[in-house]
Amino acid sequence: MGNIRTALIKRVAKELIETFPDKFSDNFDENKAVLEEISTVETKHLRNKIAGYITKLMKQRSS
């Protein structure tokens, strides 16, 4: 059983990766900092969810 993510988190993460492909990596803390700079996410919880999904997607791309 894996993590369940809403469509909002998936959509925002994919849009950000398409818009800024060179800014994100497979490091969660770096993605969190980049997301803080370029996004207007209201809550820390939502920011962390999006950064975690971006990290997962970037790890899948590199392998």
PDB file of N, CA and C in Angstrom:
ATOM      1  N   MET A   1       0.843  -1.170   0.000  1.00  0.00           N
ATOM      2  CA  MET A   1       0.000   0.000   0.000  1.00  0.00           C
ATOM      3  C   MET A   1       0.889   1.235   0.000  1.00  0.00           C
ATOM      4  N   GLY A   2       0.671   2.118  -0.917  1.00  0.00           N
ATOM      5  CA  GLY A   2       1.507   3.310  -1.032  1.00  0.00           C
ATOM      6  C   GLY A   2       0.785   4.555  -0.554  1.00  0.00           C
ATOM      7  N   ASN A   3       1.423   5.680  -0.798  1.00  0.00           N
ATOM      8  CA  ASN A   3       0.830   6.961  -0.431  1.00  0.00           C
ATOM      9  C   ASN A   3      -0.250   7.344  -1.428  1.00  0.00           C
ATOM     10  N   ILE A   4      -1.342   7.892  -0.922  1.00  0.00           N
ATOM     11  CA  ILE A   4      -2.419   8.378  -1.765  1.00  0.00           C
ATOM     12  C   ILE A   4      -2.264   9.887  -1.898  1.00  0.00           C
ATOM     13  N   ARG A   5      -2.209  10.365  -3.129  1.00  0.00           N
ATOM     14  CA  ARG A   5      -2.064  11.804  -3.361  1.00  0.00           C
ATOM     15  C   ARG A   5      -3.254  12.296  -4.182  1.00  0.00           C
ATOM     16  N   THR A   6      -3.692  13.493  -3.869  1.00  0.00           N
ATOM     17  CA  THR A   6      -4.846  14.045  -4.566  1.00  0.00           C
ATOM     18  C   THR A   6      -4.444  14.508  -5.963  1.00  0.00           C
ATOM     19  N   ALA A   7      -5.446  14.734  -6.774  1.00  0.00           N
ATOM     20  CA  ALA A   7      -5.209  15.194  -8.144  1.00  0.00           C
ATOM     21  C   ALA A   7      -4.555  16.568  -8.140  1.00  0.00           C
ATOM     22  N   LEU A   8      -4.877  17.397  -7.153  1.00  0.00           N
ATOM     23  CA  LEU A   8      -4.279  18.732  -7.064  1.00  0.00           C
ATOM     24  C   LEU A   8      -2.766  18.634  -6.905  1.00  0.00           C
ATOM     25  N   ILE A   9      -2.309  17.789  -6.009  1.00  0.00           N
ATOM     26  CA  ILE A   9      -0.872  17.644  -5.771  1.00  0.00           C
ATOM     27  C   ILE A   9      -0.175  17.127  -7.019  1.00  0.00           C
ATOM     28  N   LYS A  10      -0.763  16.133  -7.670  1.00  0.00           N
ATOM     29  CA  LYS A  10      -0.166  15.570  -8.875  1.00  0.00           C
ATOM     30  C   LYS A  10      -0.126  16.594 -10.010  1.00  0.00           C
ATOM     31  N   ARG A  11      -1.224  17.329 -10.193  1.00  0.00           N
ATOM     32  CA  ARG A  11      -1.296  18.305 -11.284  1.00  0.00           C
ATOM     33  C   ARG A  11      -0.293  19.430 -11.082  1.00  0.00           C
ATOM     34  N   VAL A  12      -0.230  19.979  -9.865  1.00  0.00           N
ATOM     35  CA  VAL A  12       0.689  21.084  -9.586  1.00  0.00           C
ATOM     36  C   VAL A  12       2.135  20.625  -9.739  1.00  0.00           C
ATOM     37  N   ALA A  13       2.454  19.440  -9.227  1.00  0.00           N
ATOM     38  CA  ALA A  13       3.819  18.932  -9.317  1.00  0.00           C
ATOM     39  C   ALA A  13       4.241  18.736 -10.770  1.00  0.00           C
ATOM     40  N   LYS A  14       3.375  18.157 -11.570  1.00  0.00           N
ATOM     41  CA  LYS A  14       3.716  17.926 -12.980  1.00  0.00           C
ATOM     42  C   LYS A  14       3.861  19.237 -13.749  1.00  0.00           C
ATOM     43  N   GLU A  15       3.001  20.212 -13.452  1.00  0.00           N
ATOM     44  CA  GLU A  15       3.108  21.517 -14.108  1.00  0.00           C
ATOM     45  C   GLU A  15       4.415  22.208 -13.735  1.00  0.00           C
ATOM     46  N   LEU A  16       4.803  22.125 -12.466  1.00  0.00           N
ATOM     47  CA  LEU A  16       6.045  22.758 -12.035  1.00  0.00           C
ATOM     48  C   LEU A  16       7.257  22.089 -12.667  1.00  0.00           C
ATOM     49  N   ILE A  17       7.233  20.776 -12.787  1.00  0.00           N
ATOM     50  CA  ILE A  17       8.359  20.075 -13.424  1.00  0.00           C
ATOM     51  C   ILE A  17       8.455  20.450 -14.902  1.00  0.00           C
ATOM     52  N   GLU A  18       7.311  20.593 -15.568  1.00  0.00           N
ATOM     53  CA  GLU A  18       7.335  20.986 -16.980  1.00  0.00           C
ATOM     54  C   GLU A  18       7.821  22.425 -17.146  1.00  0.00           C
ATOM     55  N   THR A  19       7.437  23.301 -16.226  1.00  0.00           N
ATOM     56  CA  THR A  19       7.810  24.709 -16.320  1.00  0.00           C
ATOM     57  C   THR A  19       9.258  24.941 -15.922  1.00  0.00           C
ATOM     58  N   PHE A  20       9.710  24.287 -14.861  1.00  0.00           N
ATOM     59  CA  PHE A  20      11.067  24.466 -14.334  1.00  0.00           C
ATOM     60  C   PHE A  20      11.789  23.114 -14.243  1.00  0.00           C
ATOM     61  N   PRO A  21      12.105  22.488 -15.375  1.00  0.00           N
ATOM     62  CA  PRO A  21      12.690  21.135 -15.318  1.00  0.00           C
ATOM     63  C   PRO A  21      14.098  21.097 -14.726  1.00  0.00           C
ATOM     64  N   ASP A  22      14.857  22.187 -14.833  1.00  0.00           N
ATOM     65  CA  ASP A  22      16.237  22.172 -14.352  1.00  0.00           C
ATOM     66  C   ASP A  22      16.373  22.586 -12.891  1.00  0.00           C
ATOM     67  N   LYS A  23      15.304  23.049 -12.259  1.00  0.00           N
ATOM     68  CA  LYS A  23      15.390  23.508 -10.868  1.00  0.00           C
ATOM     69  C   LYS A  23      15.214  22.387  -9.853  1.00  0.00           C
ATOM     70  N   PHE A  24      14.552  21.302 -10.230  1.00  0.00           N
ATOM     71  CA  PHE A  24      14.238  20.243  -9.279  1.00  0.00           C
ATOM     72  C   PHE A  24      15.218  19.081  -9.393  1.00  0.00           C
ATOM     73  N   SER A  25      15.410  18.377  -8.257  1.00  0.00           N
ATOM     74  CA  SER A  25      16.307  17.225  -8.228  1.00  0.00           C
ATOM     75  C   SER A  25      15.624  16.097  -7.458  1.00  0.00           C
ATOM     76  N   ASP A  26      16.389  15.067  -7.125  1.00  0.00           N
ATOM     77  CA  ASP A  26      15.820  13.967  -6.348  1.00  0.00           C
ATOM     78  C   ASP A  26      16.068  14.144  -4.848  1.00  0.00           C
ATOM     79  N   ASN A  27      16.365  15.372  -4.419  1.00  0.00           N
ATOM     80  CA  ASN A  27      16.580  15.693  -3.010  1.00  0.00           C
ATOM     81  C   ASN A  27      15.368  16.467  -2.489  1.00  0.00           C
ATOM     82  N   PHE A  28      14.702  15.917  -1.485  1.00  0.00           N
ATOM     83  CA  PHE A  28      13.475  16.510  -0.953  1.00  0.00           C
ATOM     84  C   PHE A  28      13.704  17.913  -0.393  1.00  0.00           C
ATOM     85  N   ASP A  29      14.772  18.111   0.379  1.00  0.00           N
ATOM     86  CA  ASP A  29      15.007  19.415   1.007  1.00  0.00           C
ATOM     87  C   ASP A  29      15.287  20.500  -0.025  1.00  0.00           C
ATOM     88  N   GLU A  30      16.023  20.159  -1.071  1.00  0.00           N
ATOM     89  CA  GLU A  30      16.277  21.131  -2.137  1.00  0.00           C
ATOM     90  C   GLU A  30      14.978  21.473  -2.872  1.00  0.00           C
ATOM     91  N   ASN A  31      14.155  20.462  -3.155  1.00  0.00           N
ATOM     92  CA  ASN A  31      12.885  20.701  -3.839  1.00  0.00           C
ATOM     93  C   ASN A  31      11.958  21.562  -2.989  1.00  0.00           C
ATOM     94  N   LYS A  32      11.983  21.345  -1.691  1.00  0.00           N
ATOM     95  CA  LYS A  32      11.156  22.126  -0.782  1.00  0.00           C
ATOM     96  C   LYS A  32      11.563  23.601  -0.826  1.00  0.00           C
ATOM     97  N   ALA A  33      12.869  23.868  -0.844  1.00  0.00           N
ATOM     98  CA  ALA A  33      13.361  25.243  -0.895  1.00  0.00           C
ATOM     99  C   ALA A  33      13.013  25.902  -2.234  1.00  0.00           C
ATOM    100  N   VAL A  34      13.170  25.172  -3.324  1.00  0.00           N
ATOM    101  CA  VAL A  34      12.832  25.709  -4.648  1.00  0.00           C
ATOM    102  C   VAL A  34      11.340  26.009  -4.724  1.00  0.00           C
ATOM    103  N   LEU A  35      10.547  25.109  -4.206  1.00  0.00           N
ATOM    104  CA  LEU A  35       9.098  25.284  -4.222  1.00  0.00           C
ATOM    105  C   LEU A  35       8.688  26.509  -3.422  1.00  0.00           C
ATOM    106  N   GLU A  36       9.376  26.762  -2.325  1.00  0.00           N
ATOM    107  CA  GLU A  36       9.095  27.946  -1.506  1.00  0.00           C
ATOM    108  C   GLU A  36       9.348  29.228  -2.296  1.00  0.00           C
ATOM    109  N   GLU A  37      10.384  29.220  -3.143  1.00  0.00           N
ATOM    110  CA  GLU A  37      10.740  30.398  -3.926  1.00  0.00           C
ATOM    111  C   GLU A  37       9.775  30.651  -5.080  1.00  0.00           C
ATOM    112  N   ILE A  38       9.424  29.612  -5.830  1.00  0.00           N
ATOM    113  CA  ILE A  38       8.715  29.818  -7.089  1.00  0.00           C
ATOM    114  C   ILE A  38       7.206  29.672  -6.983  1.00  0.00           C
ATOM    115  N   SER A  39       6.707  29.196  -5.862  1.00  0.00           N
ATOM    116  CA  SER A  39       5.289  28.887  -5.761  1.00  0.00           C
ATOM    117  C   SER A  39       4.621  29.752  -4.701  1.00  0.00           C
ATOM    118  N   THR A  40       3.295  29.786  -4.771  1.00  0.00           N
ATOM    119  CA  THR A  40       2.521  30.533  -3.774  1.00  0.00           C
ATOM    120  C   THR A  40       1.671  29.568  -2.961  1.00  0.00           C
ATOM    121  N   VAL A  41       2.270  28.466  -2.528  1.00  0.00           N
ATOM    122  CA  VAL A  41       1.563  27.472  -1.736  1.00  0.00           C
ATOM    123  C   VAL A  41       1.300  28.054  -0.350  1.00  0.00           C
ATOM    124  N   GLU A  42       0.063  27.929   0.106  1.00  0.00           N
ATOM    125  CA  GLU A  42      -0.341  28.585   1.343  1.00  0.00           C
ATOM    126  C   GLU A  42       0.192  27.886   2.589  1.00  0.00           C
ATOM    127  N   THR A  43       0.144  26.562   2.628  1.00  0.00           N
ATOM    128  CA  THR A  43       0.466  25.848   3.853  1.00  0.00           C
ATOM    129  C   THR A  43       1.733  25.023   3.709  1.00  0.00           C
ATOM    130  N   LYS A  44       2.379  24.810   4.840  1.00  0.00           N
ATOM    131  CA  LYS A  44       3.588  24.001   4.874  1.00  0.00           C
ATOM    132  C   LYS A  44       3.276  22.548   4.522  1.00  0.00           C
ATOM    133  N   HIS A  45       2.139  22.063   4.972  1.00  0.00           N
ATOM    134  CA  HIS A  45       1.740  20.675   4.710  1.00  0.00           C
ATOM    135  C   HIS A  45       1.576  20.435   3.211  1.00  0.00           C
ATOM    136  N   LEU A  46       0.902  21.340   2.524  1.00  0.00           N
ATOM    137  CA  LEU A  46       0.701  21.198   1.080  1.00  0.00           C
ATOM    138  C   LEU A  46       2.026  21.323   0.334  1.00  0.00           C
ATOM    139  N   ARG A  47       2.883  22.255   0.769  1.00  0.00           N
ATOM    140  CA  ARG A  47       4.195  22.417   0.139  1.00  0.00           C
ATOM    141  C   ARG A  47       5.005  21.136   0.262  1.00  0.00           C
ATOM    142  N   ASN A  48       4.980  20.512   1.437  1.00  0.00           N
ATOM    143  CA  ASN A  48       5.745  19.287   1.641  1.00  0.00           C
ATOM    144  C   ASN A  48       5.197  18.133   0.817  1.00  0.00           C
ATOM    145  N   LYS A  49       3.871  18.056   0.679  1.00  0.00           N
ATOM    146  CA  LYS A  49       3.265  17.008  -0.144  1.00  0.00           C
ATOM    147  C   LYS A  49       3.699  17.157  -1.606  1.00  0.00           C
ATOM    148  N   ILE A  50       3.660  18.389  -2.117  1.00  0.00           N
ATOM    149  CA  ILE A  50       4.043  18.641  -3.510  1.00  0.00           C
ATOM    150  C   ILE A  50       5.528  18.367  -3.701  1.00  0.00           C
ATOM    151  N   ALA A  51       6.362  18.819  -2.772  1.00  0.00           N
ATOM    152  CA  ALA A  51       7.810  18.588  -2.876  1.00  0.00           C
ATOM    153  C   ALA A  51       8.125  17.092  -2.824  1.00  0.00           C
ATOM    154  N   GLY A  52       7.398  16.354  -2.011  1.00  0.00           N
ATOM    155  CA  GLY A  52       7.609  14.910  -1.936  1.00  0.00           C
ATOM    156  C   GLY A  52       7.239  14.212  -3.224  1.00  0.00           C
ATOM    157  N   TYR A  53       6.151  14.642  -3.848  1.00  0.00           N
ATOM    158  CA  TYR A  53       5.744  14.025  -5.110  1.00  0.00           C
ATOM    159  C   TYR A  53       6.720  14.399  -6.228  1.00  0.00           C
ATOM    160  N   ILE A  54       7.203  15.633  -6.219  1.00  0.00           N
ATOM    161  CA  ILE A  54       8.208  16.037  -7.207  1.00  0.00           C
ATOM    162  C   ILE A  54       9.463  15.193  -7.038  1.00  0.00           C
ATOM    163  N   THR A  55       9.866  14.957  -5.797  1.00  0.00           N
ATOM    164  CA  THR A  55      11.041  14.134  -5.528  1.00  0.00           C
ATOM    165  C   THR A  55      10.842  12.728  -6.073  1.00  0.00           C
ATOM    166  N   LYS A  56       9.666  12.165  -5.862  1.00  0.00           N
ATOM    167  CA  LYS A  56       9.371  10.827  -6.364  1.00  0.00           C
ATOM    168  C   LYS A  56       9.443  10.787  -7.887  1.00  0.00           C
ATOM    169  N   LEU A  57       8.856  11.795  -8.549  1.00  0.00           N
ATOM    170  CA  LEU A  57       8.882  11.835 -10.006  1.00  0.00           C
ATOM    171  C   LEU A  57      10.296  11.978 -10.553  1.00  0.00           C
ATOM    172  N   MET A  58      11.111  12.801  -9.893  1.00  0.00           N
ATOM    173  CA  MET A  58      12.479  12.999 -10.358  1.00  0.00           C
ATOM    174  C   MET A  58      13.316  11.734 -10.160  1.00  0.00           C
ATOM    175  N   LYS A  59      13.078  10.995  -9.089  1.00  0.00           N
ATOM    176  CA  LYS A  59      13.790   9.733  -8.890  1.00  0.00           C
ATOM    177  C   LYS A  59      13.402   8.716  -9.950  1.00  0.00           C
ATOM    178  N   GLN A  60      12.123   8.702 -10.346  1.00  0.00           N
ATOM    179  CA  GLN A  60      11.670   7.793 -11.395  1.00  0.00           C
ATOM    180  C   GLN A  60      12.301   8.140 -12.730  1.00  0.00           C
ATOM    181  N   ARG A  61      12.461   9.422 -12.998  1.00  0.00           N
ATOM    182  CA  ARG A  61      13.057   9.840 -14.271  1.00  0.00           C
ATOM    183  C   ARG A  61      14.533   9.465 -14.363  1.00  0.00           C
ATOM    184  N   SER A  62      15.232   9.551 -13.212  1.00  0.00           N
ATOM    185  CA  SER A  62      16.674   9.284 -13.250  1.00  0.00           C
ATOM    186  C   SER A  62      17.014   7.797 -13.290  1.00  0.00           C
ATOM    187  N   SER A  63      16.066   6.951 -12.900  1.00  0.00           N
ATOM    188  CA  SER A  63      16.393   5.518 -12.894  1.00  0.00           C
ATOM    189  C   SER A  63      15.984   4.823 -14.163  1.00  0.00           C
TER     190      SER A  63
END
